[in-house]
PDB file of N, CA and C in Angstrom:
ATOM      1  N   UNK A   1     -74.607 -43.384  48.333  1.00  0.00           N
ATOM      2  CA  UNK A   1     -73.300 -42.808  48.608  1.00  0.00           C
ATOM      3  C   UNK A   1     -73.426 -41.287  48.546  1.00  0.00           C
ATOM      4  N   UNK A   2     -73.005 -40.617  49.625  1.00  0.00           N
ATOM      5  CA  UNK A   2     -73.109 -39.162  49.638  1.00  0.00           C
ATOM      6  C   UNK A   2     -71.819 -38.514  49.134  1.00  0.00           C
ATOM      7  N   UNK A   3     -71.858 -37.185  48.996  1.00  0.00           N
ATOM      8  CA  UNK A   3     -70.717 -36.480  48.401  1.00  0.00           C
ATOM      9  C   UNK A   3     -69.465 -36.619  49.258  1.00  0.00           C
ATOM     10  N   UNK A   4     -69.604 -36.608  50.581  1.00  0.00           N
ATOM     11  CA  UNK A   4     -68.427 -36.765  51.437  1.00  0.00           C
ATOM     12  C   UNK A   4     -67.754 -38.118  51.219  1.00  0.00           C
ATOM     13  N   UNK A   5     -68.544 -39.156  51.044  1.00  0.00           N
ATOM     14  CA  UNK A   5     -67.988 -40.483  50.779  1.00  0.00           C
ATOM     15  C   UNK A   5     -67.282 -40.512  49.420  1.00  0.00           C
ATOM     16  N   UNK A   6     -67.900 -39.884  48.426  1.00  0.00           N
ATOM     17  CA  UNK A   6     -67.309 -39.812  47.087  1.00  0.00           C
ATOM     18  C   UNK A   6     -65.974 -39.075  47.143  1.00  0.00           C
ATOM     19  N   UNK A   7     -65.946 -37.940  47.836  1.00  0.00           N
ATOM     20  CA  UNK A   7     -64.719 -37.157  47.970  1.00  0.00           C
ATOM     21  C   UNK A   7     -63.636 -37.985  48.648  1.00  0.00           C
ATOM     22  N   UNK A   8     -63.998 -38.689  49.700  1.00  0.00           N
ATOM     23  CA  UNK A   8     -63.031 -39.516  50.421  1.00  0.00           C
ATOM     24  C   UNK A   8     -62.431 -40.597  49.525  1.00  0.00           C
ATOM     25  N   UNK A   9     -63.272 -41.273  48.755  1.00  0.00           N
ATOM     26  CA  UNK A   9     -62.795 -42.330  47.853  1.00  0.00           C
ATOM     27  C   UNK A   9     -61.883 -41.747  46.773  1.00  0.00           C
ATOM     28  N   UNK A  10     -62.314 -40.644  46.171  1.00  0.00           N
ATOM     29  CA  UNK A  10     -61.510 -40.006  45.118  1.00  0.00           C
ATOM     30  C   UNK A  10     -60.160 -39.570  45.676  1.00  0.00           C
ATOM     31  N   UNK A  11     -60.182 -38.878  46.811  1.00  0.00           N
ATOM     32  CA  UNK A  11     -58.930 -38.405  47.395  1.00  0.00           C
ATOM     33  C   UNK A  11     -58.000 -39.569  47.706  1.00  0.00           C
ATOM     34  N   UNK A  12     -58.565 -40.663  48.205  1.00  0.00           N
ATOM     35  CA  UNK A  12     -57.735 -41.809  48.560  1.00  0.00           C
ATOM     36  C   UNK A  12     -57.053 -42.416  47.341  1.00  0.00           C
ATOM     37  N   UNK A  13     -57.804 -42.605  46.227  1.00  0.00           N
ATOM     38  CA  UNK A  13     -57.124 -43.190  45.072  1.00  0.00           C
ATOM     39  C   UNK A  13     -56.200 -42.194  44.379  1.00  0.00           C
ATOM     40  N   UNK A  14     -56.457 -40.896  44.512  1.00  0.00           N
ATOM     41  CA  UNK A  14     -55.516 -39.922  43.962  1.00  0.00           C
ATOM     42  C   UNK A  14     -54.183 -39.975  44.714  1.00  0.00           C
ATOM     43  N   UNK A  15     -54.257 -40.109  46.020  1.00  0.00           N
ATOM     44  CA  UNK A  15     -53.040 -40.193  46.839  1.00  0.00           C
ATOM     45  C   UNK A  15     -52.336 -41.531  46.618  1.00  0.00           C
ATOM     46  N   UNK A  16     -53.102 -42.620  46.675  1.00  0.00           N
ATOM     47  CA  UNK A  16     -52.508 -43.960  46.590  1.00  0.00           C
ATOM     48  C   UNK A  16     -52.007 -44.311  45.188  1.00  0.00           C
ATOM     49  N   UNK A  17     -52.840 -44.059  44.187  1.00  0.00           N
ATOM     50  CA  UNK A  17     -52.529 -44.507  42.823  1.00  0.00           C
ATOM     51  C   UNK A  17     -51.761 -43.483  41.992  1.00  0.00           C
ATOM     52  N   UNK A  18     -51.940 -42.198  42.301  1.00  0.00           N
ATOM     53  CA  UNK A  18     -51.344 -41.157  41.468  1.00  0.00           C
ATOM     54  C   UNK A  18     -50.332 -40.302  42.220  1.00  0.00           C
ATOM     55  N   UNK A  19     -50.089 -40.660  43.484  1.00  0.00           N
ATOM     56  CA  UNK A  19     -49.090 -39.992  44.314  1.00  0.00           C
ATOM     57  C   UNK A  19     -49.281 -38.480  44.384  1.00  0.00           C
ATOM     58  N   UNK A  20     -50.558 -38.053  44.440  1.00  0.00           N
ATOM     59  CA  UNK A  20     -50.875 -36.639  44.594  1.00  0.00           C
ATOM     60  C   UNK A  20     -50.781 -36.305  46.080  1.00  0.00           C
ATOM     61  N   UNK A  21     -50.156 -35.187  46.402  1.00  0.00           N
ATOM     62  CA  UNK A  21     -50.062 -34.727  47.787  1.00  0.00           C
ATOM     63  C   UNK A  21     -51.466 -34.373  48.273  1.00  0.00           C
ATOM     64  N   UNK A  22     -51.881 -34.962  49.389  1.00  0.00           N
ATOM     65  CA  UNK A  22     -53.236 -34.742  49.905  1.00  0.00           C
ATOM     66  C   UNK A  22     -53.516 -33.255  50.116  1.00  0.00           C
ATOM     67  N   UNK A  23     -52.494 -32.482  50.494  1.00  0.00           N
ATOM     68  CA  UNK A  23     -52.684 -31.047  50.718  1.00  0.00           C
ATOM     69  C   UNK A  23     -52.955 -30.287  49.426  1.00  0.00           C
ATOM     70  N   UNK A  24     -52.580 -30.851  48.292  1.00  0.00           N
ATOM     71  CA  UNK A  24     -52.811 -30.200  46.996  1.00  0.00           C
ATOM     72  C   UNK A  24     -54.236 -30.415  46.496  1.00  0.00           C
ATOM     73  N   UNK A  25     -54.938 -31.371  47.089  1.00  0.00           N
ATOM     74  CA  UNK A  25     -56.288 -31.697  46.625  1.00  0.00           C
ATOM     75  C   UNK A  25     -57.279 -30.766  47.320  1.00  0.00           C
ATOM     76  N   UNK A  26     -57.500 -29.621  46.706  1.00  0.00           N
ATOM     77  CA  UNK A  26     -58.427 -28.610  47.204  1.00  0.00           C
ATOM     78  C   UNK A  26     -59.537 -28.419  46.182  1.00  0.00           C
ATOM     79  N   UNK A  27     -60.774 -28.188  46.636  1.00  0.00           N
ATOM     80  CA  UNK A  27     -61.908 -28.095  45.694  1.00  0.00           C
ATOM     81  C   UNK A  27     -61.711 -27.118  44.539  1.00  0.00           C
ATOM     82  N   UNK A  28     -61.123 -25.968  44.781  1.00  0.00           N
ATOM     83  CA  UNK A  28     -60.986 -24.972  43.711  1.00  0.00           C
ATOM     84  C   UNK A  28     -59.672 -25.084  42.943  1.00  0.00           C
ATOM     85  N   UNK A  29     -58.848 -26.066  43.275  1.00  0.00           N
ATOM     86  CA  UNK A  29     -57.583 -26.251  42.570  1.00  0.00           C
ATOM     87  C   UNK A  29     -57.840 -26.710  41.139  1.00  0.00           C
ATOM     88  N   UNK A  30     -57.002 -26.247  40.239  1.00  0.00           N
ATOM     89  CA  UNK A  30     -57.107 -26.669  38.849  1.00  0.00           C
ATOM     90  C   UNK A  30     -56.780 -28.155  38.760  1.00  0.00           C
ATOM     91  N   UNK A  31     -57.684 -28.901  38.156  1.00  0.00           N
ATOM     92  CA  UNK A  31     -57.555 -30.358  38.114  1.00  0.00           C
ATOM     93  C   UNK A  31     -56.267 -30.798  37.424  1.00  0.00           C
ATOM     94  N   UNK A  32     -56.008 -30.259  36.260  1.00  0.00           N
ATOM     95  CA  UNK A  32     -54.824 -30.690  35.507  1.00  0.00           C
ATOM     96  C   UNK A  32     -53.532 -30.283  36.198  1.00  0.00           C
ATOM     97  N   UNK A  33     -53.491 -29.063  36.738  1.00  0.00           N
ATOM     98  CA  UNK A  33     -52.285 -28.595  37.410  1.00  0.00           C
ATOM     99  C   UNK A  33     -52.045 -29.351  38.719  1.00  0.00           C
ATOM    100  N   UNK A  34     -53.119 -29.588  39.455  1.00  0.00           N
ATOM    101  CA  UNK A  34     -53.000 -30.261  40.749  1.00  0.00           C
ATOM    102  C   UNK A  34     -52.558 -31.699  40.576  1.00  0.00           C
ATOM    103  N   UNK A  35     -53.175 -32.395  39.640  1.00  0.00           N
ATOM    104  CA  UNK A  35     -52.881 -33.806  39.467  1.00  0.00           C
ATOM    105  C   UNK A  35     -51.658 -34.054  38.606  1.00  0.00           C
ATOM    106  N   UNK A  36     -51.306 -33.087  37.780  1.00  0.00           N
ATOM    107  CA  UNK A  36     -50.135 -33.198  36.908  1.00  0.00           C
ATOM    108  C   UNK A  36     -50.129 -34.548  36.172  1.00  0.00           C
ATOM    109  N   UNK A  37     -51.235 -34.823  35.501  1.00  0.00           N
ATOM    110  CA  UNK A  37     -51.404 -36.108  34.828  1.00  0.00           C
ATOM    111  C   UNK A  37     -51.076 -35.998  33.349  1.00  0.00           C
ATOM    112  N   UNK A  38     -50.425 -37.031  32.825  1.00  0.00           N
ATOM    113  CA  UNK A  38     -50.224 -37.101  31.384  1.00  0.00           C
ATOM    114  C   UNK A  38     -51.341 -37.963  30.786  1.00  0.00           C
ATOM    115  N   UNK A  39     -51.299 -38.182  29.488  1.00  0.00           N
ATOM    116  CA  UNK A  39     -52.397 -38.895  28.832  1.00  0.00           C
ATOM    117  C   UNK A  39     -52.545 -40.327  29.335  1.00  0.00           C
ATOM    118  N   UNK A  40     -51.454 -40.986  29.654  1.00  0.00           N
ATOM    119  CA  UNK A  40     -51.551 -42.344  30.198  1.00  0.00           C
ATOM    120  C   UNK A  40     -52.163 -42.341  31.590  1.00  0.00           C
ATOM    121  N   UNK A  41     -51.845 -41.300  32.376  1.00  0.00           N
ATOM    122  CA  UNK A  41     -52.437 -41.183  33.701  1.00  0.00           C
ATOM    123  C   UNK A  41     -53.952 -40.997  33.603  1.00  0.00           C
ATOM    124  N   UNK A  42     -54.395 -40.260  32.583  1.00  0.00           N
ATOM    125  CA  UNK A  42     -55.840 -40.069  32.419  1.00  0.00           C
ATOM    126  C   UNK A  42     -56.535 -41.402  32.154  1.00  0.00           C
ATOM    127  N   UNK A  43     -55.899 -42.261  31.397  1.00  0.00           N
ATOM    128  CA  UNK A  43     -56.466 -43.595  31.158  1.00  0.00           C
ATOM    129  C   UNK A  43     -56.577 -44.341  32.489  1.00  0.00           C
ATOM    130  N   UNK A  44     -55.530 -44.279  33.292  1.00  0.00           N
ATOM    131  CA  UNK A  44     -55.560 -44.926  34.604  1.00  0.00           C
ATOM    132  C   UNK A  44     -56.616 -44.302  35.510  1.00  0.00           C
ATOM    133  N   UNK A  45     -56.782 -42.996  35.415  1.00  0.00           N
ATOM    134  CA  UNK A  45     -57.795 -42.308  36.216  1.00  0.00           C
ATOM    135  C   UNK A  45     -59.193 -42.780  35.843  1.00  0.00           C
ATOM    136  N   UNK A  46     -59.445 -42.909  34.550  1.00  0.00           N
ATOM    137  CA  UNK A  46     -60.746 -43.419  34.083  1.00  0.00           C
ATOM    138  C   UNK A  46     -60.983 -44.823  34.628  1.00  0.00           C
ATOM    139  N   UNK A  47     -59.961 -45.664  34.570  1.00  0.00           N
ATOM    140  CA  UNK A  47     -60.079 -47.028  35.090  1.00  0.00           C
ATOM    141  C   UNK A  47     -60.373 -46.993  36.590  1.00  0.00           C
ATOM    142  N   UNK A  48     -59.700 -46.115  37.325  1.00  0.00           N
ATOM    143  CA  UNK A  48     -59.934 -46.000  38.768  1.00  0.00           C
ATOM    144  C   UNK A  48     -61.368 -45.571  39.063  1.00  0.00           C
ATOM    145  N   UNK A  49     -61.861 -44.613  38.315  1.00  0.00           N
ATOM    146  CA  UNK A  49     -63.241 -44.149  38.515  1.00  0.00           C
ATOM    147  C   UNK A  49     -64.208 -45.284  38.235  1.00  0.00           C
ATOM    148  N   UNK A  50     -64.016 -45.946  37.098  1.00  0.00           N
ATOM    149  CA  UNK A  50     -64.935 -47.020  36.713  1.00  0.00           C
ATOM    150  C   UNK A  50     -64.910 -48.166  37.721  1.00  0.00           C
ATOM    151  N   UNK A  51     -63.740 -48.516  38.240  1.00  0.00           N
ATOM    152  CA  UNK A  51     -63.665 -49.633  39.188  1.00  0.00           C
ATOM    153  C   UNK A  51     -64.169 -49.243  40.573  1.00  0.00           C
ATOM    154  N   UNK A  52     -63.978 -48.004  40.977  1.00  0.00           N
ATOM    155  CA  UNK A  52     -64.424 -47.569  42.301  1.00  0.00           C
ATOM    156  C   UNK A  52     -65.902 -47.212  42.358  1.00  0.00           C
ATOM    157  N   UNK A  53     -66.438 -46.744  41.226  1.00  0.00           N
ATOM    158  CA  UNK A  53     -67.810 -46.241  41.249  1.00  0.00           C
ATOM    159  C   UNK A  53     -68.768 -46.996  40.329  1.00  0.00           C
ATOM    160  N   UNK A  54     -68.251 -47.834  39.448  1.00  0.00           N
ATOM    161  CA  UNK A  54     -69.111 -48.697  38.649  1.00  0.00           C
ATOM    162  C   UNK A  54     -69.884 -48.040  37.531  1.00  0.00           C
ATOM    163  N   UNK A  55     -69.350 -46.985  36.939  1.00  0.00           N
ATOM    164  CA  UNK A  55     -69.977 -46.405  35.749  1.00  0.00           C
ATOM    165  C   UNK A  55     -68.903 -46.086  34.720  1.00  0.00           C
ATOM    166  N   UNK A  56     -69.307 -46.037  33.465  1.00  0.00           N
ATOM    167  CA  UNK A  56     -68.391 -45.726  32.369  1.00  0.00           C
ATOM    168  C   UNK A  56     -68.203 -44.217  32.253  1.00  0.00           C
ATOM    169  N   UNK A  57     -66.978 -43.822  32.024  1.00  0.00           N
ATOM    170  CA  UNK A  57     -66.636 -42.413  31.879  1.00  0.00           C
ATOM    171  C   UNK A  57     -66.504 -42.092  30.398  1.00  0.00           C
ATOM    172  N   UNK A  58     -67.146 -41.022  29.974  1.00  0.00           N
ATOM    173  CA  UNK A  58     -67.020 -40.562  28.597  1.00  0.00           C
ATOM    174  C   UNK A  58     -65.817 -39.615  28.524  1.00  0.00           C
ATOM    175  N   UNK A  59     -64.889 -39.861  27.608  1.00  0.00           N
ATOM    176  CA  UNK A  59     -63.694 -39.002  27.522  1.00  0.00           C
ATOM    177  C   UNK A  59     -64.027 -37.519  27.374  1.00  0.00           C
ATOM    178  N   UNK A  60     -65.088 -37.214  26.659  1.00  0.00           N
ATOM    179  CA  UNK A  60     -65.433 -35.802  26.460  1.00  0.00           C
ATOM    180  C   UNK A  60     -65.863 -35.124  27.758  1.00  0.00           C
ATOM    181  N   UNK A  61     -66.331 -35.908  28.730  1.00  0.00           N
ATOM    182  CA  UNK A  61     -66.714 -35.327  30.017  1.00  0.00           C
ATOM    183  C   UNK A  61     -65.506 -34.746  30.744  1.00  0.00           C
ATOM    184  N   UNK A  62     -64.347 -35.372  30.595  1.00  0.00           N
ATOM    185  CA  UNK A  62     -63.141 -34.873  31.252  1.00  0.00           C
ATOM    186  C   UNK A  62     -62.714 -33.520  30.697  1.00  0.00           C
ATOM    187  N   UNK A  63     -63.016 -33.258  29.441  1.00  0.00           N
ATOM    188  CA  UNK A  63     -62.616 -31.989  28.834  1.00  0.00           C
ATOM    189  C   UNK A  63     -63.351 -30.814  29.476  1.00  0.00           C
ATOM    190  N   UNK A  64     -64.508 -31.066  30.087  1.00  0.00           N
ATOM    191  CA  UNK A  64     -65.309 -30.012  30.706  1.00  0.00           C
ATOM    192  C   UNK A  64     -64.862 -29.713  32.136  1.00  0.00           C
ATOM    193  N   UNK A  65     -64.114 -30.598  32.745  1.00  0.00           N
ATOM    194  CA  UNK A  65     -63.713 -30.443  34.147  1.00  0.00           C
ATOM    195  C   UNK A  65     -62.490 -29.546  34.264  1.00  0.00           C
ATOM    196  N   UNK A  66     -62.615 -28.526  35.105  1.00  0.00           N
ATOM    197  CA  UNK A  66     -61.489 -27.620  35.322  1.00  0.00           C
ATOM    198  C   UNK A  66     -60.939 -27.704  36.738  1.00  0.00           C
ATOM    199  N   UNK A  67     -61.825 -27.869  37.721  1.00  0.00           N
ATOM    200  CA  UNK A  67     -61.375 -27.888  39.110  1.00  0.00           C
ATOM    201  C   UNK A  67     -61.579 -29.275  39.727  1.00  0.00           C
ATOM    202  N   UNK A  68     -60.929 -29.473  40.853  1.00  0.00           N
ATOM    203  CA  UNK A  68     -61.114 -30.719  41.593  1.00  0.00           C
ATOM    204  C   UNK A  68     -62.586 -30.863  41.976  1.00  0.00           C
ATOM    205  N   UNK A  69     -63.237 -29.751  42.345  1.00  0.00           N
ATOM    206  CA  UNK A  69     -64.662 -29.811  42.690  1.00  0.00           C
ATOM    207  C   UNK A  69     -65.514 -30.214  41.490  1.00  0.00           C
ATOM    208  N   UNK A  70     -65.154 -29.777  40.286  1.00  0.00           N
ATOM    209  CA  UNK A  70     -65.868 -30.231  39.079  1.00  0.00           C
ATOM    210  C   UNK A  70     -65.805 -31.756  38.978  1.00  0.00           C
ATOM    211  N   UNK A  71     -64.654 -32.311  39.310  1.00  0.00           N
ATOM    212  CA  UNK A  71     -64.441 -33.759  39.283  1.00  0.00           C
ATOM    213  C   UNK A  71     -65.350 -34.441  40.308  1.00  0.00           C
ATOM    214  N   UNK A  72     -65.361 -33.912  41.544  1.00  0.00           N
ATOM    215  CA  UNK A  72     -66.241 -34.467  42.574  1.00  0.00           C
ATOM    216  C   UNK A  72     -67.704 -34.422  42.119  1.00  0.00           C
ATOM    217  N   UNK A  73     -68.106 -33.270  41.601  1.00  0.00           N
ATOM    218  CA  UNK A  73     -69.498 -33.076  41.192  1.00  0.00           C
ATOM    219  C   UNK A  73     -69.865 -34.004  40.046  1.00  0.00           C
ATOM    220  N   UNK A  74     -68.948 -34.198  39.115  1.00  0.00           N
ATOM    221  CA  UNK A  74     -69.190 -35.116  37.994  1.00  0.00           C
ATOM    222  C   UNK A  74     -69.467 -36.524  38.511  1.00  0.00           C
ATOM    223  N   UNK A  75     -68.613 -37.013  39.408  1.00  0.00           N
ATOM    224  CA  UNK A  75     -68.798 -38.367  39.929  1.00  0.00           C
ATOM    225  C   UNK A  75     -70.105 -38.449  40.720  1.00  0.00           C
ATOM    226  N   UNK A  76     -70.381 -37.421  41.527  1.00  0.00           N
ATOM    227  CA  UNK A  76     -71.624 -37.404  42.299  1.00  0.00           C
ATOM    228  C   UNK A  76     -72.841 -37.469  41.376  1.00  0.00           C
ATOM    229  N   UNK A  77     -72.823 -36.701  40.297  1.00  0.00           N
ATOM    230  CA  UNK A  77     -73.943 -36.697  39.347  1.00  0.00           C
ATOM    231  C   UNK A  77     -74.083 -38.045  38.650  1.00  0.00           C
ATOM    232  N   UNK A  78     -72.966 -38.626  38.255  1.00  0.00           N
ATOM    233  CA  UNK A  78     -73.016 -39.933  37.591  1.00  0.00           C
ATOM    234  C   UNK A  78     -73.557 -40.999  38.536  1.00  0.00           C
ATOM    235  N   UNK A  79     -73.188 -40.918  39.789  1.00  0.00           N
ATOM    236  CA  UNK A  79     -73.696 -41.881  40.780  1.00  0.00           C
ATOM    237  C   UNK A  79     -75.198 -41.700  40.970  1.00  0.00           C
ATOM    238  N   UNK A  80     -75.650 -40.449  41.021  1.00  0.00           N
ATOM    239  CA  UNK A  80     -77.077 -40.176  41.162  1.00  0.00           C
ATOM    240  C   UNK A  80     -77.844 -40.692  39.950  1.00  0.00           C
ATOM    241  N   UNK A  81     -77.280 -40.470  38.755  1.00  0.00           N
ATOM    242  CA  UNK A  81     -77.919 -40.951  37.524  1.00  0.00           C
ATOM    243  C   UNK A  81     -77.974 -42.483  37.513  1.00  0.00           C
ATOM    244  N   UNK A  82     -76.938 -43.125  38.032  1.00  0.00           N
ATOM    245  CA  UNK A  82     -76.873 -44.579  38.072  1.00  0.00           C
ATOM    246  C   UNK A  82     -77.969 -45.143  38.973  1.00  0.00           C
ATOM    247  N   UNK A  83     -78.224 -44.458  40.086  1.00  0.00           N
ATOM    248  CA  UNK A  83     -79.243 -44.908  41.036  1.00  0.00           C
ATOM    249  C   UNK A  83     -80.637 -44.775  40.436  1.00  0.00           C
ATOM    250  N   UNK A  84     -80.869 -43.679  39.695  1.00  0.00           N
ATOM    251  CA  UNK A  84     -82.200 -43.460  39.140  1.00  0.00           C
ATOM    252  C   UNK A  84     -82.452 -44.197  37.837  1.00  0.00           C
ATOM    253  N   UNK A  85     -81.388 -44.768  37.262  1.00  0.00           N
ATOM    254  CA  UNK A  85     -81.528 -45.469  35.991  1.00  0.00           C
ATOM    255  C   UNK A  85     -82.142 -46.848  36.171  1.00  0.00           C
TER     256      UNK A  85
END
């Protein structure tokens, strides 16, 4: 799975499951401000990531993410690690 595919999947579940405006999903946008998620939404987001990409998300990893691109890169790296594991 390449980065464009990952971005497409992430954007789709953000729009479908979290009702984020597709135009607001920009790589340099602040993740928390753009998604406007509360703590329960973060739990749902973790579930969406795990079900769409098949890896476990560590809660502390989310604390390091600031931009939407950080989120894309995190998933891309986890997918790469999963393939090489």
